[in-house]
Amino acid sequence: MSLRQKFTGTGIAIVTPFNEDRSIDWKNYAKLVEFWIDNGTDYLVVLGTTGESATVHGDEKQQLFSFINAQVNGRIPLVAGIGGNDTLEVIEGFRKFDLTGYDAILSVSPYYNKPNQEGLFQHYRMLDAATPLPLMIYNVPGRTGQNLTAETQLRIARECPNVFATKEASGNLEQVMQVISNKPEGFMVISGDDALTLPMIALGADGVTSVVANAYPKGFSDMVRACLAGDFAEGRRQHYRFTEIISTMFAEGSPAGVKAYLSEMGLCNNISRMPVWPVGTALHAKIRELMKTVDAIVPV
């Protein structure tokens, strides 16, 4: 199966469920994996932002990578989230993690340091030379504080042969159009923003790595498939079912919002690691009431 076949459609930036003591909840993790696969997810991204990678440390990262590989058992493709703001530390992660069963690595652009565009390019150039797997860029300036411009993304796409895709979460459709219209043949553009997935596919994107699909894998995957098939009338109909879900899911940050939904579904505890905190009482009540309406019309 080609990379395009593996990563066209709906991937999920999966949550990491925790117990009351904030240890990893392996029982619910296994249950979630089956829920995602049974409901038509195309691939899973392990230890991305939604997986609270910033507060999963040391041996836990390898335990997570290995557990998900064993649970999935080759049924759908897997992506390992390995990124950071220290280039050499990211490369060390490439070397030390056992990524058996994984098909690609997602690596977020460096945060906090705020390198210039040349620094961002050189970061990915070094990762390209060291990666053991095909590599996805992750551009999310709302979290990193620094946009990876269209020009820099295109330069990476042309000069770094192991970088096959960009997860674009800038929220800037003009930038998305610049990347899509000028990218090398075969280079993939993947939405990193649930709310903009439909317009991005209309512009030529290949799908989404979703947060919302943690809770609504079938409904959101159906919307993406309709759009990819060119049925935008059906895509729009399904897209607007998710408008308020997306709004409430991100109103007080992610993954706090999606864990509120998953806890209401009985799929995991409403617990994150500090400093992420559950959504407030008012928002949680709104989510609970919204779910009573949408669950009748939006398949999970």
Foldseek 3Di string as FASTA:
>chain_A
DDPLQQPFFEEAAAAFFADPVRDTDLVLVLVLLCVLVVQPHAEYEALDVLNVVVPQDDPRLLVRLVSSQVSCVLVGAYEYEQEEQDLVVSLVVQVPHDNPRHAEYEYEFYADVQDPLVVSLVSLQVCLVRHPHQYEYEAACVGRVYGNALVSVQVCQVPRVSHQEYADRPPDVVRLLSNVVPHDPRRAYEYAQLLCQLVSVVSPHRYYHDHLCSQQVNLSRVLSVCSNVVNVVVNVVSSVLCPVVSCLCCVPHPPLSVLLNCVVVVSHHSDDDPPDDHDDPVSSVVVVVSCVPSCVPGHD
